[in-house]
Amino acid sequence: MEPPADPATEAAQYQYDDGTVEIVFAAEEGRVLTVREYPDDASFKTEIEPATYLGRHSGIADLPPVEAFTSGDETDDGQTNS
């Protein structure tokens, strides 16, 4: 599948070799907000190890549960993500 001309296109999905999936949530004024799904807890812990914990983000904490985003988990071309 051909990637978009602008990789920061809203809803663009990228999969890494380790199974991590990243989806562009929003891109504005040169900044890009993404959502990442790691294949397991160990991968997540390894990735965030050098980061500084800043607490819970209230805007994200108020979002619906993850099930609201995973039902009908399909790409634009109708393929189901695995």
PDB file of N, CA and C in Angstrom:
ATOM      1  N   MET A   1       0.845  -1.175   0.000  1.00  0.00           N
ATOM      2  CA  MET A   1       0.000   0.000   0.000  1.00  0.00           C
ATOM      3  C   MET A   1       0.894   1.243   0.000  1.00  0.00           C
ATOM      4  N   GLU A   2       0.573   2.187  -0.824  1.00  0.00           N
ATOM      5  CA  GLU A   2       1.346   3.423  -0.969  1.00  0.00           C
ATOM      6  C   GLU A   2       1.082   4.362   0.222  1.00  0.00           C
ATOM      7  N   PRO A   3       2.134   4.821   0.913  1.00  0.00           N
ATOM      8  CA  PRO A   3       1.923   5.762   2.020  1.00  0.00           C
ATOM      9  C   PRO A   3       1.459   7.122   1.498  1.00  0.00           C
ATOM     10  N   PRO A   4       0.795   7.900   2.340  1.00  0.00           N
ATOM     11  CA  PRO A   4       0.334   9.219   1.905  1.00  0.00           C
ATOM     12  C   PRO A   4       1.525  10.147   1.644  1.00  0.00           C
ATOM     13  N   ALA A   5       1.309  11.169   0.818  1.00  0.00           N
ATOM     14  CA  ALA A   5       2.370  12.138   0.519  1.00  0.00           C
ATOM     15  C   ALA A   5       2.851  12.819   1.801  1.00  0.00           C
ATOM     16  N   ASP A   6       1.939  13.105   2.702  1.00  0.00           N
ATOM     17  CA  ASP A   6       2.284  13.682   4.009  1.00  0.00           C
ATOM     18  C   ASP A   6       2.133  12.580   5.049  1.00  0.00           C
ATOM     19  N   PRO A   7       3.227  12.073   5.630  1.00  0.00           N
ATOM     20  CA  PRO A   7       3.121  10.978   6.581  1.00  0.00           C
ATOM     21  C   PRO A   7       2.311  11.310   7.828  1.00  0.00           C
ATOM     22  N   ALA A   8       2.126  12.601   8.118  1.00  0.00           N
ATOM     23  CA  ALA A   8       1.375  13.022   9.292  1.00  0.00           C
ATOM     24  C   ALA A   8      -0.105  13.245   8.974  1.00  0.00           C
ATOM     25  N   THR A   9      -0.631  12.565   7.965  1.00  0.00           N
ATOM     26  CA  THR A   9      -2.034  12.671   7.601  1.00  0.00           C
ATOM     27  C   THR A   9      -2.897  12.045   8.695  1.00  0.00           C
ATOM     28  N   GLU A  10      -3.942  12.742   9.123  1.00  0.00           N
ATOM     29  CA  GLU A  10      -4.822  12.242  10.167  1.00  0.00           C
ATOM     30  C   GLU A  10      -5.336  10.844   9.820  1.00  0.00           C
ATOM     31  N   ALA A  11      -5.299   9.941  10.787  1.00  0.00           N
ATOM     32  CA  ALA A  11      -5.746   8.553  10.705  1.00  0.00           C
ATOM     33  C   ALA A  11      -4.777   7.633   9.961  1.00  0.00           C
ATOM     34  N   ALA A  12      -3.628   8.134   9.508  1.00  0.00           N
ATOM     35  CA  ALA A  12      -2.630   7.266   8.873  1.00  0.00           C
ATOM     36  C   ALA A  12      -2.112   6.272   9.915  1.00  0.00           C
ATOM     37  N   GLN A  13      -2.012   4.998   9.514  1.00  0.00           N
ATOM     38  CA  GLN A  13      -1.552   3.943  10.418  1.00  0.00           C
ATOM     39  C   GLN A  13      -0.198   3.425   9.953  1.00  0.00           C
ATOM     40  N   TYR A  14       0.674   3.183  10.906  1.00  0.00           N
ATOM     41  CA  TYR A  14       1.998   2.649  10.620  1.00  0.00           C
ATOM     42  C   TYR A  14       2.264   1.480  11.556  1.00  0.00           C
ATOM     43  N   GLN A  15       2.826   0.402  11.016  1.00  0.00           N
ATOM     44  CA  GLN A  15       3.177  -0.749  11.839  1.00  0.00           C
ATOM     45  C   GLN A  15       4.680  -0.958  11.792  1.00  0.00           C
ATOM     46  N   TYR A  16       5.277  -1.134  12.971  1.00  0.00           N
ATOM     47  CA  TYR A  16       6.706  -1.361  13.107  1.00  0.00           C
ATOM     48  C   TYR A  16       6.989  -2.862  13.100  1.00  0.00           C
ATOM     49  N   ASP A  17       8.244  -3.226  12.854  1.00  0.00           N
ATOM     50  CA  ASP A  17       8.648  -4.626  12.806  1.00  0.00           C
ATOM     51  C   ASP A  17       8.383  -5.366  14.116  1.00  0.00           C
ATOM     52  N   ASP A  18       8.389  -4.640  15.249  1.00  0.00           N
ATOM     53  CA  ASP A  18       8.178  -5.295  16.545  1.00  0.00           C
ATOM     54  C   ASP A  18       6.697  -5.477  16.887  1.00  0.00           C
ATOM     55  N   GLY A  19       5.798  -5.095  15.977  1.00  0.00           N
ATOM     56  CA  GLY A  19       4.369  -5.240  16.209  1.00  0.00           C
ATOM     57  C   GLY A  19       3.687  -3.993  16.713  1.00  0.00           C
ATOM     58  N   THR A  20       4.450  -2.957  17.046  1.00  0.00           N
ATOM     59  CA  THR A  20       3.874  -1.694  17.489  1.00  0.00           C
ATOM     60  C   THR A  20       3.117  -1.044  16.340  1.00  0.00           C
ATOM     61  N   VAL A  21       1.940  -0.504  16.639  1.00  0.00           N
ATOM     62  CA  VAL A  21       1.135   0.202  15.652  1.00  0.00           C
ATOM     63  C   VAL A  21       1.005   1.650  16.112  1.00  0.00           C
ATOM     64  N   GLU A  22       1.192   2.583  15.190  1.00  0.00           N
ATOM     65  CA  GLU A  22       1.072   4.013  15.503  1.00  0.00           C
ATOM     66  C   GLU A  22       0.076   4.634  14.542  1.00  0.00           C
ATOM     67  N   ILE A  23      -0.848   5.423  15.086  1.00  0.00           N
ATOM     68  CA  ILE A  23      -1.882   6.070  14.285  1.00  0.00           C
ATOM     69  C   ILE A  23      -1.817   7.572  14.534  1.00  0.00           C
ATOM     70  N   VAL A  24      -1.823   8.337  13.446  1.00  0.00           N
ATOM     71  CA  VAL A  24      -1.809   9.796  13.568  1.00  0.00           C
ATOM     72  C   VAL A  24      -3.199  10.245  14.014  1.00  0.00           C
ATOM     73  N   PHE A  25      -3.253  10.901  15.148  1.00  0.00           N
ATOM     74  CA  PHE A  25      -4.516  11.388  15.704  1.00  0.00           C
ATOM     75  C   PHE A  25      -4.807  12.791  15.184  1.00  0.00           C
ATOM     76  N   ALA A  26      -3.807  13.645  15.195  1.00  0.00           N
ATOM     77  CA  ALA A  26      -3.969  15.019  14.714  1.00  0.00           C
ATOM     78  C   ALA A  26      -2.609  15.588  14.342  1.00  0.00           C
ATOM     79  N   ALA A  27      -2.618  16.498  13.372  1.00  0.00           N
ATOM     80  CA  ALA A  27      -1.403  17.209  12.975  1.00  0.00           C
ATOM     81  C   ALA A  27      -1.790  18.661  12.765  1.00  0.00           C
ATOM     82  N   GLU A  28      -1.114  19.544  13.503  1.00  0.00           N
ATOM     83  CA  GLU A  28      -1.453  20.958  13.416  1.00  0.00           C
ATOM     84  C   GLU A  28      -0.231  21.797  13.758  1.00  0.00           C
ATOM     85  N   GLU A  29       0.015  22.801  12.950  1.00  0.00           N
ATOM     86  CA  GLU A  29       1.106  23.754  13.177  1.00  0.00           C
ATOM     87  C   GLU A  29       2.452  23.062  13.380  1.00  0.00           C
ATOM     88  N   GLY A  30       2.712  22.024  12.582  1.00  0.00           N
ATOM     89  CA  GLY A  30       3.995  21.341  12.645  1.00  0.00           C
ATOM     90  C   GLY A  30       4.115  20.319  13.759  1.00  0.00           C
ATOM     91  N   ARG A  31       3.110  20.181  14.578  1.00  0.00           N
ATOM     92  CA  ARG A  31       3.132  19.190  15.665  1.00  0.00           C
ATOM     93  C   ARG A  31       2.267  18.008  15.261  1.00  0.00           C
ATOM     94  N   VAL A  32       2.640  16.816  15.709  1.00  0.00           N
ATOM     95  CA  VAL A  32       1.910  15.605  15.357  1.00  0.00           C
ATOM     96  C   VAL A  32       1.575  14.842  16.641  1.00  0.00           C
ATOM     97  N   LEU A  33       0.295  14.548  16.822  1.00  0.00           N
ATOM     98  CA  LEU A  33      -0.170  13.776  17.960  1.00  0.00           C
ATOM     99  C   LEU A  33      -0.518  12.380  17.457  1.00  0.00           C
ATOM    100  N   THR A  34       0.074  11.364  18.063  1.00  0.00           N
ATOM    101  CA  THR A  34      -0.199   9.987  17.637  1.00  0.00           C
ATOM    102  C   THR A  34      -0.677   9.151  18.815  1.00  0.00           C
ATOM    103  N   VAL A  35      -1.236   8.014  18.480  1.00  0.00           N
ATOM    104  CA  VAL A  35      -1.607   6.999  19.457  1.00  0.00           C
ATOM    105  C   VAL A  35      -0.818   5.766  19.078  1.00  0.00           C
ATOM    106  N   ARG A  36      -0.171   5.141  20.048  1.00  0.00           N
ATOM    107  CA  ARG A  36       0.654   3.959  19.799  1.00  0.00           C
ATOM    108  C   ARG A  36       0.115   2.773  20.556  1.00  0.00           C
ATOM    109  N   GLU A  37       0.107   1.635  19.894  1.00  0.00           N
ATOM    110  CA  GLU A  37      -0.275   0.383  20.546  1.00  0.00           C
ATOM    111  C   GLU A  37       0.912  -0.557  20.482  1.00  0.00           C
ATOM    112  N   TYR A  38       1.369  -0.987  21.654  1.00  0.00           N
ATOM    113  CA  TYR A  38       2.516  -1.887  21.737  1.00  0.00           C
ATOM    114  C   TYR A  38       2.032  -3.330  21.760  1.00  0.00           C
ATOM    115  N   PRO A  39       2.832  -4.262  21.246  1.00  0.00           N
ATOM    116  CA  PRO A  39       2.399  -5.660  21.196  1.00  0.00           C
ATOM    117  C   PRO A  39       2.308  -6.329  22.567  1.00  0.00           C
ATOM    118  N   ASP A  40       2.990  -5.757  23.580  1.00  0.00           N
ATOM    119  CA  ASP A  40       2.957  -6.355  24.920  1.00  0.00           C
ATOM    120  C   ASP A  40       3.478  -5.348  25.941  1.00  0.00           C
ATOM    121  N   ASP A  41       3.276  -5.668  27.221  1.00  0.00           N
ATOM    122  CA  ASP A  41       3.716  -4.789  28.310  1.00  0.00           C
ATOM    123  C   ASP A  41       5.223  -4.579  28.315  1.00  0.00           C
ATOM    124  N   ALA A  42       5.977  -5.639  28.044  1.00  0.00           N
ATOM    125  CA  ALA A  42       7.441  -5.537  28.073  1.00  0.00           C
ATOM    126  C   ALA A  42       7.951  -4.532  27.040  1.00  0.00           C
ATOM    127  N   SER A  43       7.379  -4.551  25.842  1.00  0.00           N
ATOM    128  CA  SER A  43       7.787  -3.598  24.800  1.00  0.00           C
ATOM    129  C   SER A  43       7.488  -2.166  25.234  1.00  0.00           C
ATOM    130  N   PHE A  44       6.325  -1.961  25.821  1.00  0.00           N
ATOM    131  CA  PHE A  44       5.945  -0.634  26.306  1.00  0.00           C
ATOM    132  C   PHE A  44       6.912  -0.153  27.387  1.00  0.00           C
ATOM    133  N   LYS A  45       7.181  -1.008  28.356  1.00  0.00           N
ATOM    134  CA  LYS A  45       8.077  -0.632  29.461  1.00  0.00           C
ATOM    135  C   LYS A  45       9.476  -0.299  28.959  1.00  0.00           C
ATOM    136  N   THR A  46       9.960  -1.058  28.005  1.00  0.00           N
ATOM    137  CA  THR A  46      11.280  -0.790  27.427  1.00  0.00           C
ATOM    138  C   THR A  46      11.300   0.569  26.736  1.00  0.00           C
ATOM    139  N   GLU A  47      10.259   0.864  25.977  1.00  0.00           N
ATOM    140  CA  GLU A  47      10.192   2.112  25.214  1.00  0.00           C
ATOM    141  C   GLU A  47      10.109   3.344  26.119  1.00  0.00           C
ATOM    142  N   ILE A  48       9.373   3.247  27.233  1.00  0.00           N
ATOM    143  CA  ILE A  48       9.189   4.429  28.085  1.00  0.00           C
ATOM    144  C   ILE A  48      10.250   4.573  29.174  1.00  0.00           C
ATOM    145  N   GLU A  49      11.131   3.591  29.287  1.00  0.00           N
ATOM    146  CA  GLU A  49      12.143   3.626  30.342  1.00  0.00           C
ATOM    147  C   GLU A  49      12.894   4.964  30.437  1.00  0.00           C
ATOM    148  N   PRO A  50      13.350   5.558  29.328  1.00  0.00           N
ATOM    149  CA  PRO A  50      14.081   6.828  29.458  1.00  0.00           C
ATOM    150  C   PRO A  50      13.183   8.055  29.650  1.00  0.00           C
ATOM    151  N   ALA A  51      11.871   7.887  29.583  1.00  0.00           N
ATOM    152  CA  ALA A  51      10.940   9.021  29.689  1.00  0.00           C
ATOM    153  C   ALA A  51      10.683   9.406  31.147  1.00  0.00           C
ATOM    154  N   THR A  52      10.217  10.638  31.350  1.00  0.00           N
ATOM    155  CA  THR A  52       9.829  11.127  32.673  1.00  0.00           C
ATOM    156  C   THR A  52       8.315  11.062  32.795  1.00  0.00           C
ATOM    157  N   TYR A  53       7.813  10.418  33.833  1.00  0.00           N
ATOM    158  CA  TYR A  53       6.373  10.307  34.062  1.00  0.00           C
ATOM    159  C   TYR A  53       5.838  11.661  34.516  1.00  0.00           C
ATOM    160  N   LEU A  54       4.770  12.130  33.877  1.00  0.00           N
ATOM    161  CA  LEU A  54       4.181  13.436  34.190  1.00  0.00           C
ATOM    162  C   LEU A  54       2.791  13.337  34.798  1.00  0.00           C
ATOM    163  N   GLY A  55       2.368  12.165  35.189  1.00  0.00           N
ATOM    164  CA  GLY A  55       1.033  11.998  35.764  1.00  0.00           C
ATOM    165  C   GLY A  55       0.019  11.666  34.686  1.00  0.00           C
ATOM    166  N   ARG A  56      -1.260  11.740  35.042  1.00  0.00           N
ATOM    167  CA  ARG A  56      -2.335  11.412  34.103  1.00  0.00           C
ATOM    168  C   ARG A  56      -2.798  12.667  33.381  1.00  0.00           C
ATOM    169  N   HIS A  57      -3.019  12.565  32.096  1.00  0.00           N
ATOM    170  CA  HIS A  57      -3.516  13.675  31.271  1.00  0.00           C
ATOM    171  C   HIS A  57      -5.035  13.669  31.381  1.00  0.00           C
ATOM    172  N   SER A  58      -5.622  14.730  31.923  1.00  0.00           N
ATOM    173  CA  SER A  58      -7.067  14.752  32.184  1.00  0.00           C
ATOM    174  C   SER A  58      -7.899  14.633  30.913  1.00  0.00           C
ATOM    175  N   GLY A  59      -7.452  15.207  29.811  1.00  0.00           N
ATOM    176  CA  GLY A  59      -8.202  15.111  28.563  1.00  0.00           C
ATOM    177  C   GLY A  59      -8.286  13.684  28.052  1.00  0.00           C
ATOM    178  N   ILE A  60      -7.240  12.921  28.227  1.00  0.00           N
ATOM    179  CA  ILE A  60      -7.220  11.526  27.804  1.00  0.00           C
ATOM    180  C   ILE A  60      -7.979  10.661  28.800  1.00  0.00           C
ATOM    181  N   ALA A  61      -7.836  10.946  30.077  1.00  0.00           N
ATOM    182  CA  ALA A  61      -8.524  10.166  31.107  1.00  0.00           C
ATOM    183  C   ALA A  61     -10.042  10.227  30.942  1.00  0.00           C
ATOM    184  N   ASP A  62     -10.558  11.289  30.336  1.00  0.00           N
ATOM    185  CA  ASP A  62     -11.998  11.461  30.155  1.00  0.00           C
ATOM    186  C   ASP A  62     -12.539  10.820  28.880  1.00  0.00           C
ATOM    187  N   LEU A  63     -11.668  10.234  28.045  1.00  0.00           N
ATOM    188  CA  LEU A  63     -12.117   9.580  26.811  1.00  0.00           C
ATOM    189  C   LEU A  63     -12.889   8.302  27.127  1.00  0.00           C
ATOM    190  N   PRO A  64     -13.709   7.839  26.191  1.00  0.00           N
ATOM    191  CA  PRO A  64     -14.414   6.563  26.397  1.00  0.00           C
ATOM    192  C   PRO A  64     -13.422   5.408  26.540  1.00  0.00           C
ATOM    193  N   PRO A  65     -13.881   4.251  27.032  1.00  0.00           N
ATOM    194  CA  PRO A  65     -12.980   3.104  27.180  1.00  0.00           C
ATOM    195  C   PRO A  65     -12.450   2.623  25.835  1.00  0.00           C
ATOM    196  N   VAL A  66     -11.374   1.863  25.878  1.00  0.00           N
ATOM    197  CA  VAL A  66     -10.702   1.401  24.662  1.00  0.00           C
ATOM    198  C   VAL A  66     -11.642   0.627  23.743  1.00  0.00           C
ATOM    199  N   GLU A  67     -12.628  -0.061  24.273  1.00  0.00           N
ATOM    200  CA  GLU A  67     -13.566  -0.823  23.445  1.00  0.00           C
ATOM    201  C   GLU A  67     -14.295   0.062  22.438  1.00  0.00           C
ATOM    202  N   ALA A  68     -14.487   1.318  22.764  1.00  0.00           N
ATOM    203  CA  ALA A  68     -15.156   2.244  21.850  1.00  0.00           C
ATOM    204  C   ALA A  68     -14.336   2.485  20.584  1.00  0.00           C
ATOM    205  N   PHE A  69     -13.040   2.239  20.652  1.00  0.00           N
ATOM    206  CA  PHE A  69     -12.161   2.485  19.519  1.00  0.00           C
ATOM    207  C   PHE A  69     -11.762   1.206  18.789  1.00  0.00           C
ATOM    208  N   THR A  70     -12.060   0.041  19.342  1.00  0.00           N
ATOM    209  CA  THR A  70     -11.614  -1.201  18.730  1.00  0.00           C
ATOM    210  C   THR A  70     -12.717  -1.974  18.021  1.00  0.00           C
ATOM    211  N   SER A  71     -13.959  -1.644  18.239  1.00  0.00           N
ATOM    212  CA  SER A  71     -15.017  -2.363  17.539  1.00  0.00           C
ATOM    213  C   SER A  71     -14.960  -2.008  16.061  1.00  0.00           C
ATOM    214  N   GLY A  72     -15.035  -3.024  15.206  1.00  0.00           N
ATOM    215  CA  GLY A  72     -14.928  -2.780  13.769  1.00  0.00           C
ATOM    216  C   GLY A  72     -13.562  -2.268  13.391  1.00  0.00           C
ATOM    217  N   ASP A  73     -12.522  -2.780  13.998  1.00  0.00           N
ATOM    218  CA  ASP A  73     -11.140  -2.334  13.803  1.00  0.00           C
ATOM    219  C   ASP A  73     -10.693  -2.601  12.373  1.00  0.00           C
ATOM    220  N   GLU A  74     -11.077  -1.702  11.456  1.00  0.00           N
ATOM    221  CA  GLU A  74     -10.755  -1.883  10.048  1.00  0.00           C
ATOM    222  C   GLU A  74      -9.979  -0.700   9.490  1.00  0.00           C
ATOM    223  N   THR A  75      -9.225  -0.948   8.450  1.00  0.00           N
ATOM    224  CA  THR A  75      -8.520   0.102   7.735  1.00  0.00           C
ATOM    225  C   THR A  75      -9.460   0.705   6.698  1.00  0.00           C
ATOM    226  N   ASP A  76      -9.051   1.791   6.034  1.00  0.00           N
ATOM    227  CA  ASP A  76      -9.870   2.450   5.013  1.00  0.00           C
ATOM    228  C   ASP A  76     -10.274   1.510   3.893  1.00  0.00           C
ATOM    229  N   ASP A  77      -9.430   0.517   3.578  1.00  0.00           N
ATOM    230  CA  ASP A  77      -9.717  -0.374   2.468  1.00  0.00           C
ATOM    231  C   ASP A  77     -10.528  -1.599   2.887  1.00  0.00           C
ATOM    232  N   GLY A  78     -11.074  -1.578   4.113  1.00  0.00           N
ATOM    233  CA  GLY A  78     -11.954  -2.640   4.579  1.00  0.00           C
ATOM    234  C   GLY A  78     -11.245  -3.840   5.157  1.00  0.00           C
ATOM    235  N   GLN A  79      -9.923  -3.793   5.228  1.00  0.00           N
ATOM    236  CA  GLN A  79      -9.188  -4.921   5.801  1.00  0.00           C
ATOM    237  C   GLN A  79      -9.197  -4.825   7.314  1.00  0.00           C
ATOM    238  N   THR A  80      -9.332  -5.944   7.976  1.00  0.00           N
ATOM    239  CA  THR A  80      -9.304  -5.982   9.427  1.00  0.00           C
ATOM    240  C   THR A  80      -7.873  -6.001   9.891  1.00  0.00           C
ATOM    241  N   ASN A  81      -7.553  -5.156  10.880  1.00  0.00           N
ATOM    242  CA  ASN A  81      -6.202  -5.161  11.451  1.00  0.00           C
ATOM    243  C   ASN A  81      -6.026  -6.424  12.277  1.00  0.00           C
ATOM    244  N   SER A  82      -4.813  -6.960  12.278  1.00  0.00           N
ATOM    245  CA  SER A  82      -4.548  -8.145  13.085  1.00  0.00           C
ATOM    246  C   SER A  82      -3.484  -7.854  14.110  1.00  0.00           C
TER     247      SER A  82
END
